[in-house]
Amino acid sequence: MKRNLMRQMTGAVIAVMVAGTLLVGCDAKQAGEVEMKFINVEKVALDSGLVKQEQAYLKAVNENLHKGLQLAEKNYATLPADKVAAARQADKKIIAQQWQGQQRAARQVVLAAVKQATDAYRTEKKIAAIMPMQTAVSVAPELDVTADLTTKLNATKLDFGKVPEITVKAADTAKPAVAAK
């Protein structure tokens, strides 16, 4: 009885495995079809104009940050002489942190646009994966989809958000004068 049960179980397992193998084979790609493509992310971002948009945004941010420092300089005239250096250093630190944060955020907007376009292209073309060219040692030219994605992103207008506004608070020896909004 136990042997019959074992034979039936073994037969059932084998039948399931054979059926699974056959079903997997139905959806398999033909020999020679490629499921992976490659992209040069930096080239796409540069050639599509996304980097130019990022640079324009960061230029506006930088200008506003420098205006903020200039406004803060006017506040230093009302501070005691021994507090000016500390206030200047605190303001410069805030401006530097704001600048670094804006640079990171802008780069994330660019990369998100590239990723979104890449995901859409991968889905549309039924590609299993699109990898960065930099991870490959050697790639056949027909696997490079950089030009296709550059074309796809040419008309993309990025939204980096609002350029931060710099305000200057009244002179206070305990706190920095500069604040970003």
N, C-alpha and C. Protein backbone atom coordinates (compact mmCIF):
# COMPACT_ATOMS: atom_id res chain seq x y z
N MET A 1 0.82 -1.19 0.00
CA MET A 1 0.00 0.00 0.00
C MET A 1 0.87 1.26 0.00
N LYS A 2 1.91 1.22 0.85
CA LYS A 2 2.81 2.37 0.90
C LYS A 2 3.56 2.51 -0.42
N ARG A 3 3.91 1.39 -1.02
CA ARG A 3 4.62 1.43 -2.29
C ARG A 3 3.72 1.99 -3.39
N ASN A 4 2.48 1.61 -3.41
CA ASN A 4 1.54 2.14 -4.40
C ASN A 4 1.39 3.66 -4.24
N LEU A 5 1.28 4.10 -3.01
CA LEU A 5 1.14 5.54 -2.74
C LEU A 5 2.40 6.28 -3.18
N MET A 6 3.56 5.71 -2.90
CA MET A 6 4.83 6.32 -3.31
C MET A 6 4.93 6.39 -4.83
N ARG A 7 4.51 5.34 -5.52
CA ARG A 7 4.55 5.32 -6.98
C ARG A 7 3.61 6.38 -7.56
N GLN A 8 2.44 6.48 -6.96
CA GLN A 8 1.47 7.47 -7.44
C GLN A 8 2.01 8.89 -7.21
N MET A 9 2.61 9.13 -6.04
CA MET A 9 3.17 10.45 -5.73
C MET A 9 4.32 10.77 -6.69
N THR A 10 5.20 9.80 -6.90
CA THR A 10 6.33 10.00 -7.80
C THR A 10 5.83 10.27 -9.21
N GLY A 11 4.84 9.52 -9.64
CA GLY A 11 4.26 9.72 -10.97
C GLY A 11 3.63 11.10 -11.10
N ALA A 12 2.96 11.55 -10.06
CA ALA A 12 2.33 12.87 -10.09
C ALA A 12 3.38 13.97 -10.15
N VAL A 13 4.44 13.82 -9.36
CA VAL A 13 5.51 14.82 -9.36
C VAL A 13 6.17 14.89 -10.73
N ILE A 14 6.44 13.75 -11.32
CA ILE A 14 7.05 13.71 -12.65
C ILE A 14 6.13 14.35 -13.68
N ALA A 15 4.83 14.06 -13.60
CA ALA A 15 3.87 14.64 -14.54
C ALA A 15 3.84 16.16 -14.41
N VAL A 16 3.87 16.66 -13.19
CA VAL A 16 3.86 18.11 -12.97
C VAL A 16 5.14 18.73 -13.51
N MET A 17 6.28 18.08 -13.28
CA MET A 17 7.54 18.60 -13.78
C MET A 17 7.58 18.62 -15.30
N VAL A 18 7.10 17.59 -15.95
CA VAL A 18 7.06 17.54 -17.41
C VAL A 18 6.14 18.63 -17.95
N ALA A 19 4.96 18.77 -17.35
CA ALA A 19 4.00 19.78 -17.80
C ALA A 19 4.60 21.18 -17.61
N GLY A 20 5.25 21.40 -16.48
CA GLY A 20 5.89 22.70 -16.23
C GLY A 20 6.97 23.00 -17.24
N THR A 21 7.77 22.01 -17.56
CA THR A 21 8.83 22.18 -18.54
C THR A 21 8.25 22.52 -19.90
N LEU A 22 7.18 21.85 -20.28
CA LEU A 22 6.55 22.11 -21.57
C LEU A 22 5.95 23.51 -21.62
N LEU A 23 5.34 23.93 -20.52
CA LEU A 23 4.74 25.27 -20.48
C LEU A 23 5.81 26.35 -20.53
N VAL A 24 6.91 26.14 -19.86
CA VAL A 24 7.99 27.12 -19.89
C VAL A 24 8.53 27.23 -21.30
N GLY A 25 8.64 26.14 -21.98
CA GLY A 25 9.15 26.13 -23.34
C GLY A 25 8.26 26.87 -24.31
N CYS A 26 6.97 26.96 -24.03
CA CYS A 26 6.04 27.64 -24.94
C CYS A 26 6.34 29.13 -25.04
N ASP A 27 6.82 29.71 -23.96
CA ASP A 27 7.06 31.15 -23.94
C ASP A 27 8.54 31.49 -24.18
N ALA A 28 9.35 30.50 -24.41
CA ALA A 28 10.78 30.75 -24.60
C ALA A 28 11.05 31.46 -25.92
N LYS A 29 12.10 32.29 -25.91
CA LYS A 29 12.48 32.98 -27.13
C LYS A 29 13.20 32.01 -28.06
N GLN A 30 13.16 32.32 -29.33
CA GLN A 30 13.86 31.50 -30.31
C GLN A 30 15.36 31.66 -30.13
N ALA A 31 16.09 30.68 -30.56
CA ALA A 31 17.55 30.73 -30.45
C ALA A 31 18.07 31.96 -31.17
N GLY A 32 18.98 32.69 -30.55
CA GLY A 32 19.57 33.86 -31.17
C GLY A 32 18.89 35.16 -30.80
N GLU A 33 17.69 35.11 -30.22
CA GLU A 33 17.00 36.33 -29.81
C GLU A 33 17.63 36.85 -28.54
N VAL A 34 17.75 38.17 -28.44
CA VAL A 34 18.42 38.79 -27.31
C VAL A 34 17.38 39.35 -26.35
N GLU A 35 17.58 39.12 -25.09
CA GLU A 35 16.68 39.64 -24.08
C GLU A 35 17.28 40.82 -23.32
N MET A 36 18.53 41.13 -23.57
CA MET A 36 19.20 42.19 -22.84
C MET A 36 19.81 43.20 -23.82
N LYS A 37 19.65 44.47 -23.49
CA LYS A 37 20.23 45.55 -24.28
C LYS A 37 21.06 46.41 -23.34
N PHE A 38 21.81 47.33 -23.92
CA PHE A 38 22.70 48.18 -23.14
C PHE A 38 22.52 49.64 -23.50
N ILE A 39 22.78 50.51 -22.52
CA ILE A 39 22.63 51.95 -22.71
C ILE A 39 23.80 52.68 -22.05
N ASN A 40 24.29 53.71 -22.72
CA ASN A 40 25.30 54.59 -22.15
C ASN A 40 24.52 55.75 -21.51
N VAL A 41 24.31 55.66 -20.22
CA VAL A 41 23.45 56.60 -19.50
C VAL A 41 23.96 58.03 -19.62
N GLU A 42 25.27 58.23 -19.45
CA GLU A 42 25.82 59.58 -19.53
C GLU A 42 25.60 60.19 -20.92
N LYS A 43 25.82 59.39 -21.95
CA LYS A 43 25.64 59.87 -23.32
C LYS A 43 24.18 60.23 -23.59
N VAL A 44 23.27 59.41 -23.12
CA VAL A 44 21.84 59.70 -23.30
C VAL A 44 21.48 61.01 -22.61
N ALA A 45 21.92 61.18 -21.37
CA ALA A 45 21.60 62.39 -20.62
C ALA A 45 22.20 63.63 -21.28
N LEU A 46 23.40 63.50 -21.79
CA LEU A 46 24.08 64.63 -22.43
C LEU A 46 23.48 64.94 -23.80
N ASP A 47 23.39 63.93 -24.66
CA ASP A 47 22.93 64.15 -26.03
C ASP A 47 21.44 64.48 -26.15
N SER A 48 20.65 64.10 -25.17
CA SER A 48 19.21 64.37 -25.23
C SER A 48 18.86 65.77 -24.73
N GLY A 49 19.83 66.45 -24.13
CA GLY A 49 19.58 67.80 -23.62
C GLY A 49 19.20 67.83 -22.15
N LEU A 50 19.12 66.68 -21.50
CA LEU A 50 18.75 66.66 -20.09
C LEU A 50 19.82 67.32 -19.23
N VAL A 51 21.08 67.11 -19.55
CA VAL A 51 22.17 67.72 -18.78
C VAL A 51 22.15 69.23 -18.97
N LYS A 52 21.83 69.69 -20.17
CA LYS A 52 21.76 71.13 -20.43
C LYS A 52 20.65 71.77 -19.57
N GLN A 53 19.52 71.06 -19.44
CA GLN A 53 18.44 71.56 -18.58
C GLN A 53 18.88 71.58 -17.11
N GLU A 54 19.59 70.55 -16.70
CA GLU A 54 20.09 70.48 -15.33
C GLU A 54 21.06 71.64 -15.07
N GLN A 55 21.95 71.90 -16.01
CA GLN A 55 22.92 72.98 -15.84
C GLN A 55 22.24 74.34 -15.77
N ALA A 56 21.21 74.55 -16.58
CA ALA A 56 20.48 75.82 -16.54
C ALA A 56 19.81 76.02 -15.19
N TYR A 57 19.21 74.96 -14.68
CA TYR A 57 18.56 75.04 -13.37
C TYR A 57 19.60 75.33 -12.28
N LEU A 58 20.70 74.59 -12.31
CA LEU A 58 21.73 74.78 -11.28
C LEU A 58 22.39 76.16 -11.37
N LYS A 59 22.46 76.71 -12.57
CA LYS A 59 22.99 78.07 -12.72
C LYS A 59 22.07 79.07 -12.00
N ALA A 60 20.76 78.90 -12.18
CA ALA A 60 19.80 79.78 -11.50
C ALA A 60 19.88 79.60 -9.99
N VAL A 61 20.04 78.37 -9.54
CA VAL A 61 20.18 78.10 -8.10
C VAL A 61 21.43 78.78 -7.57
N ASN A 62 22.54 78.63 -8.27
CA ASN A 62 23.81 79.20 -7.84
C ASN A 62 23.72 80.73 -7.75
N GLU A 63 23.07 81.32 -8.73
CA GLU A 63 22.91 82.78 -8.72
C GLU A 63 22.12 83.22 -7.48
N ASN A 64 21.02 82.50 -7.18
CA ASN A 64 20.22 82.85 -6.01
C ASN A 64 21.01 82.66 -4.71
N LEU A 65 21.82 81.62 -4.65
CA LEU A 65 22.61 81.38 -3.45
C LEU A 65 23.65 82.48 -3.24
N HIS A 66 24.27 82.92 -4.32
CA HIS A 66 25.24 84.01 -4.21
C HIS A 66 24.57 85.33 -3.83
N LYS A 67 23.37 85.56 -4.35
CA LYS A 67 22.62 86.75 -3.95
C LYS A 67 22.32 86.70 -2.45
N GLY A 68 22.01 85.52 -1.97
CA GLY A 68 21.75 85.36 -0.53
C GLY A 68 22.97 85.70 0.31
N LEU A 69 24.12 85.25 -0.15
CA LEU A 69 25.36 85.59 0.59
C LEU A 69 25.62 87.09 0.57
N GLN A 70 25.33 87.72 -0.56
CA GLN A 70 25.53 89.17 -0.66
C GLN A 70 24.57 89.91 0.29
N LEU A 71 23.34 89.42 0.38
CA LEU A 71 22.38 90.02 1.32
C LEU A 71 22.86 89.84 2.76
N ALA A 72 23.40 88.69 3.05
CA ALA A 72 23.89 88.42 4.41
C ALA A 72 25.06 89.33 4.75
N GLU A 73 25.90 89.63 3.77
CA GLU A 73 27.06 90.52 4.00
C GLU A 73 26.60 91.87 4.56
N LYS A 74 25.46 92.35 4.09
CA LYS A 74 24.94 93.64 4.57
C LYS A 74 24.58 93.56 6.05
N ASN A 75 24.14 92.38 6.49
CA ASN A 75 23.79 92.19 7.90
C ASN A 75 25.01 92.22 8.81
N TYR A 76 26.15 91.87 8.28
CA TYR A 76 27.35 91.78 9.11
C TYR A 76 27.77 93.15 9.65
N ALA A 77 27.35 94.21 8.97
CA ALA A 77 27.71 95.56 9.41
C ALA A 77 27.11 95.88 10.77
N THR A 78 25.98 95.25 11.09
CA THR A 78 25.32 95.53 12.37
C THR A 78 25.79 94.60 13.49
N LEU A 79 26.62 93.62 13.15
CA LEU A 79 27.11 92.69 14.16
C LEU A 79 28.37 93.20 14.84
N PRO A 80 28.60 92.79 16.08
CA PRO A 80 29.87 93.14 16.73
C PRO A 80 31.02 92.50 15.94
N ALA A 81 32.16 93.12 15.90
CA ALA A 81 33.30 92.68 15.10
C ALA A 81 33.71 91.25 15.41
N ASP A 82 33.61 90.83 16.66
CA ASP A 82 34.03 89.48 17.03
C ASP A 82 33.02 88.41 16.57
N LYS A 83 31.85 88.77 16.15
CA LYS A 83 30.82 87.82 15.72
C LYS A 83 30.72 87.68 14.19
N VAL A 84 31.35 88.60 13.46
CA VAL A 84 31.23 88.62 12.00
C VAL A 84 31.80 87.34 11.37
N ALA A 85 32.96 86.92 11.79
CA ALA A 85 33.59 85.73 11.21
C ALA A 85 32.73 84.48 11.43
N ALA A 86 32.20 84.33 12.63
CA ALA A 86 31.36 83.17 12.93
C ALA A 86 30.06 83.20 12.12
N ALA A 87 29.47 84.38 11.99
CA ALA A 87 28.23 84.51 11.21
C ALA A 87 28.48 84.22 9.73
N ARG A 88 29.58 84.76 9.22
CA ARG A 88 29.94 84.52 7.82
C ARG A 88 30.15 83.02 7.57
N GLN A 89 30.86 82.37 8.47
CA GLN A 89 31.12 80.93 8.34
C GLN A 89 29.82 80.13 8.39
N ALA A 90 28.92 80.47 9.29
CA ALA A 90 27.64 79.77 9.41
C ALA A 90 26.80 79.94 8.14
N ASP A 91 26.80 81.15 7.59
CA ASP A 91 26.03 81.40 6.36
C ASP A 91 26.62 80.63 5.18
N LYS A 92 27.94 80.63 5.09
CA LYS A 92 28.59 79.89 3.99
C LYS A 92 28.30 78.40 4.10
N LYS A 93 28.25 77.89 5.31
CA LYS A 93 27.95 76.47 5.52
C LYS A 93 26.53 76.15 5.04
N ILE A 94 25.59 77.00 5.38
CA ILE A 94 24.20 76.78 4.95
C ILE A 94 24.09 76.84 3.43
N ILE A 95 24.76 77.81 2.82
CA ILE A 95 24.73 77.95 1.36
C ILE A 95 25.36 76.72 0.71
N ALA A 96 26.47 76.24 1.25
CA ALA A 96 27.14 75.05 0.68
C ALA A 96 26.25 73.82 0.80
N GLN A 97 25.58 73.66 1.92
CA GLN A 97 24.67 72.52 2.10
C GLN A 97 23.50 72.60 1.12
N GLN A 98 22.97 73.79 0.96
CA GLN A 98 21.86 73.99 0.03
C GLN A 98 22.32 73.67 -1.40
N TRP A 99 23.51 74.12 -1.77
CA TRP A 99 24.05 73.89 -3.11
C TRP A 99 24.21 72.39 -3.37
N GLN A 100 24.80 71.69 -2.43
CA GLN A 100 25.00 70.24 -2.59
C GLN A 100 23.66 69.51 -2.69
N GLY A 101 22.71 69.91 -1.87
CA GLY A 101 21.38 69.29 -1.91
C GLY A 101 20.70 69.53 -3.25
N GLN A 102 20.81 70.73 -3.78
CA GLN A 102 20.19 71.05 -5.06
C GLN A 102 20.86 70.29 -6.20
N GLN A 103 22.19 70.14 -6.13
CA GLN A 103 22.90 69.37 -7.16
C GLN A 103 22.43 67.92 -7.15
N ARG A 104 22.35 67.32 -5.97
CA ARG A 104 21.89 65.92 -5.87
C ARG A 104 20.46 65.78 -6.37
N ALA A 105 19.60 66.69 -5.96
CA ALA A 105 18.20 66.62 -6.36
C ALA A 105 18.04 66.77 -7.88
N ALA A 106 18.80 67.68 -8.47
CA ALA A 106 18.73 67.89 -9.92
C ALA A 106 19.20 66.65 -10.66
N ARG A 107 20.28 66.04 -10.18
CA ARG A 107 20.79 64.82 -10.84
C ARG A 107 19.77 63.69 -10.73
N GLN A 108 19.07 63.62 -9.60
CA GLN A 108 18.04 62.58 -9.43
C GLN A 108 16.89 62.78 -10.41
N VAL A 109 16.55 64.02 -10.70
CA VAL A 109 15.50 64.31 -11.69
C VAL A 109 15.92 63.81 -13.07
N VAL A 110 17.17 64.06 -13.43
CA VAL A 110 17.70 63.60 -14.72
C VAL A 110 17.69 62.08 -14.79
N LEU A 111 18.22 61.44 -13.76
CA LEU A 111 18.28 59.97 -13.76
C LEU A 111 16.89 59.34 -13.75
N ALA A 112 15.95 59.97 -13.06
CA ALA A 112 14.58 59.45 -13.03
C ALA A 112 13.95 59.53 -14.43
N ALA A 113 14.24 60.60 -15.16
CA ALA A 113 13.71 60.73 -16.53
C ALA A 113 14.30 59.65 -17.43
N VAL A 114 15.61 59.40 -17.29
CA VAL A 114 16.25 58.35 -18.09
C VAL A 114 15.66 56.99 -17.73
N LYS A 115 15.48 56.74 -16.45
CA LYS A 115 14.93 55.46 -16.02
C LYS A 115 13.51 55.27 -16.52
N GLN A 116 12.70 56.29 -16.44
CA GLN A 116 11.31 56.20 -16.90
C GLN A 116 11.28 55.90 -18.40
N ALA A 117 12.08 56.59 -19.17
CA ALA A 117 12.11 56.36 -20.62
C ALA A 117 12.64 54.96 -20.93
N THR A 118 13.64 54.53 -20.17
CA THR A 118 14.21 53.20 -20.36
C THR A 118 13.20 52.11 -20.03
N ASP A 119 12.47 52.30 -18.94
CA ASP A 119 11.43 51.33 -18.57
C ASP A 119 10.35 51.23 -19.65
N ALA A 120 9.93 52.38 -20.16
CA ALA A 120 8.90 52.39 -21.20
C ALA A 120 9.42 51.71 -22.47
N TYR A 121 10.65 51.99 -22.83
CA TYR A 121 11.26 51.38 -24.02
C TYR A 121 11.39 49.87 -23.85
N ARG A 122 11.83 49.45 -22.67
CA ARG A 122 11.99 48.02 -22.38
C ARG A 122 10.65 47.30 -22.48
N THR A 123 9.61 47.89 -21.93
CA THR A 123 8.27 47.30 -21.99
C THR A 123 7.76 47.25 -23.43
N GLU A 124 7.90 48.37 -24.12
CA GLU A 124 7.43 48.47 -25.51
C GLU A 124 8.11 47.44 -26.42
N LYS A 125 9.41 47.27 -26.25
CA LYS A 125 10.18 46.37 -27.11
C LYS A 125 10.27 44.94 -26.56
N LYS A 126 9.64 44.72 -25.40
CA LYS A 126 9.63 43.40 -24.75
C LYS A 126 11.05 42.88 -24.52
N ILE A 127 11.83 43.72 -23.89
CA ILE A 127 13.21 43.39 -23.54
C ILE A 127 13.23 43.03 -22.06
N ALA A 128 13.96 41.99 -21.71
CA ALA A 128 14.01 41.56 -20.32
C ALA A 128 14.77 42.55 -19.44
N ALA A 129 15.88 43.10 -19.95
CA ALA A 129 16.70 44.00 -19.13
C ALA A 129 17.47 44.96 -20.03
N ILE A 130 17.65 46.18 -19.52
CA ILE A 130 18.53 47.16 -20.16
C ILE A 130 19.55 47.53 -19.10
N MET A 131 20.80 47.26 -19.42
CA MET A 131 21.89 47.46 -18.47
C MET A 131 22.76 48.65 -18.89
N PRO A 132 23.41 49.29 -17.91
CA PRO A 132 24.34 50.36 -18.27
C PRO A 132 25.53 49.80 -19.05
N MET A 133 25.93 50.49 -20.07
CA MET A 133 27.05 50.08 -20.91
C MET A 133 28.33 49.92 -20.07
N GLN A 134 28.46 50.72 -19.02
CA GLN A 134 29.65 50.72 -18.20
C GLN A 134 29.84 49.40 -17.45
N THR A 135 28.80 48.58 -17.35
CA THR A 135 28.92 47.30 -16.64
C THR A 135 29.41 46.18 -17.56
N ALA A 136 29.47 46.45 -18.85
CA ALA A 136 29.86 45.42 -19.81
C ALA A 136 31.31 45.60 -20.23
N VAL A 137 31.96 44.50 -20.46
CA VAL A 137 33.33 44.54 -20.96
C VAL A 137 33.31 44.72 -22.47
N SER A 138 32.36 44.05 -23.11
CA SER A 138 32.25 44.13 -24.56
C SER A 138 30.79 43.94 -24.95
N VAL A 139 30.32 44.77 -25.87
CA VAL A 139 28.92 44.72 -26.29
C VAL A 139 28.86 44.82 -27.81
N ALA A 140 28.05 43.97 -28.41
CA ALA A 140 27.83 44.04 -29.86
C ALA A 140 27.06 45.33 -30.15
N PRO A 141 27.40 46.03 -31.23
CA PRO A 141 26.75 47.31 -31.55
C PRO A 141 25.22 47.22 -31.63
N GLU A 142 24.69 46.10 -32.09
CA GLU A 142 23.24 45.99 -32.21
C GLU A 142 22.53 45.88 -30.86
N LEU A 143 23.26 45.69 -29.79
CA LEU A 143 22.66 45.62 -28.46
C LEU A 143 22.61 46.98 -27.77
N ASP A 144 23.24 47.98 -28.38
CA ASP A 144 23.30 49.33 -27.82
C ASP A 144 22.05 50.11 -28.23
N VAL A 145 21.23 50.50 -27.25
CA VAL A 145 20.00 51.24 -27.53
C VAL A 145 20.13 52.72 -27.13
N THR A 146 21.37 53.18 -26.98
CA THR A 146 21.62 54.56 -26.57
C THR A 146 20.97 55.56 -27.52
N ALA A 147 21.14 55.36 -28.82
CA ALA A 147 20.58 56.31 -29.81
C ALA A 147 19.05 56.34 -29.74
N ASP A 148 18.43 55.19 -29.60
CA ASP A 148 16.96 55.13 -29.51
C ASP A 148 16.46 55.90 -28.30
N LEU A 149 17.11 55.71 -27.17
CA LEU A 149 16.66 56.38 -25.95
C LEU A 149 16.99 57.87 -25.98
N THR A 150 18.07 58.25 -26.63
CA THR A 150 18.39 59.67 -26.78
C THR A 150 17.28 60.35 -27.57
N THR A 151 16.88 59.73 -28.67
CA THR A 151 15.79 60.26 -29.50
C THR A 151 14.50 60.36 -28.69
N LYS A 152 14.22 59.34 -27.93
CA LYS A 152 12.99 59.30 -27.12
C LYS A 152 12.97 60.43 -26.08
N LEU A 153 14.14 60.81 -25.56
CA LEU A 153 14.23 61.83 -24.51
C LEU A 153 14.46 63.25 -25.03
N ASN A 154 14.67 63.41 -26.33
CA ASN A 154 14.97 64.73 -26.89
C ASN A 154 13.92 65.79 -26.55
N ALA A 155 12.68 65.44 -26.55
CA ALA A 155 11.61 66.40 -26.32
C ALA A 155 11.19 66.49 -24.85
N THR A 156 11.87 65.78 -23.98
CA THR A 156 11.49 65.75 -22.57
C THR A 156 11.85 67.06 -21.89
N LYS A 157 10.89 67.63 -21.20
CA LYS A 157 11.09 68.86 -20.42
C LYS A 157 11.06 68.45 -18.95
N LEU A 158 12.18 68.64 -18.28
CA LEU A 158 12.29 68.24 -16.88
C LEU A 158 11.73 69.31 -15.94
N ASP A 159 11.18 68.86 -14.82
CA ASP A 159 10.68 69.76 -13.79
C ASP A 159 11.55 69.58 -12.55
N PHE A 160 12.41 70.55 -12.30
CA PHE A 160 13.31 70.50 -11.16
C PHE A 160 12.68 71.13 -9.93
N GLY A 161 11.50 71.65 -10.09
CA GLY A 161 10.88 72.36 -8.97
C GLY A 161 11.29 73.81 -8.98
N LYS A 162 10.93 74.47 -7.94
CA LYS A 162 11.18 75.90 -7.82
C LYS A 162 12.62 76.14 -7.37
N VAL A 163 13.25 77.15 -7.95
CA VAL A 163 14.59 77.56 -7.53
C VAL A 163 14.46 78.10 -6.11
N PRO A 164 15.30 77.62 -5.19
CA PRO A 164 15.17 78.08 -3.80
C PRO A 164 15.41 79.59 -3.68
N GLU A 165 14.58 80.19 -2.88
CA GLU A 165 14.73 81.63 -2.61
C GLU A 165 15.51 81.78 -1.31
N ILE A 166 16.43 82.70 -1.32
CA ILE A 166 17.25 82.95 -0.14
C ILE A 166 16.74 84.21 0.54
N THR A 167 16.46 84.08 1.81
CA THR A 167 16.04 85.23 2.60
C THR A 167 17.08 85.46 3.70
N VAL A 168 17.13 86.68 4.16
CA VAL A 168 18.07 87.02 5.21
C VAL A 168 17.27 87.50 6.41
N LYS A 169 17.54 86.86 7.54
CA LYS A 169 16.88 87.25 8.78
C LYS A 169 17.64 88.42 9.39
N ALA A 170 17.00 89.05 10.33
CA ALA A 170 17.65 90.16 11.04
C ALA A 170 18.89 89.61 11.76
N ALA A 171 19.87 90.44 11.89
CA ALA A 171 21.14 90.02 12.51
C ALA A 171 20.90 89.50 13.90
N ASP A 172 21.38 88.28 14.11
CA ASP A 172 21.30 87.63 15.41
C ASP A 172 22.62 86.91 15.61
N THR A 173 23.30 87.21 16.65
CA THR A 173 24.63 86.63 16.84
C THR A 173 24.59 85.14 17.09
N ALA A 174 23.46 84.58 17.44
CA ALA A 174 23.39 83.16 17.77
C ALA A 174 23.01 82.29 16.58
N LYS A 175 22.45 82.88 15.53
CA LYS A 175 21.95 82.09 14.40
C LYS A 175 22.47 82.64 13.07
N PRO A 176 22.57 81.77 12.04
CA PRO A 176 22.96 82.25 10.71
C PRO A 176 21.89 83.20 10.17
N ALA A 177 22.30 84.14 9.34
CA ALA A 177 21.37 85.10 8.76
C ALA A 177 20.64 84.54 7.55
N VAL A 178 21.24 83.57 6.85
CA VAL A 178 20.72 83.06 5.60
C VAL A 178 19.73 81.93 5.87
N ALA A 179 18.65 81.92 5.10
CA ALA A 179 17.67 80.81 5.15
C ALA A 179 17.19 80.55 3.74
N ALA A 180 17.06 79.31 3.38
CA ALA A 180 16.59 78.93 2.03
C ALA A 180 15.16 78.45 2.13
N LYS A 181 14.37 78.82 1.12
CA LYS A 181 12.97 78.37 1.03
C LYS A 181 12.80 77.52 -0.18
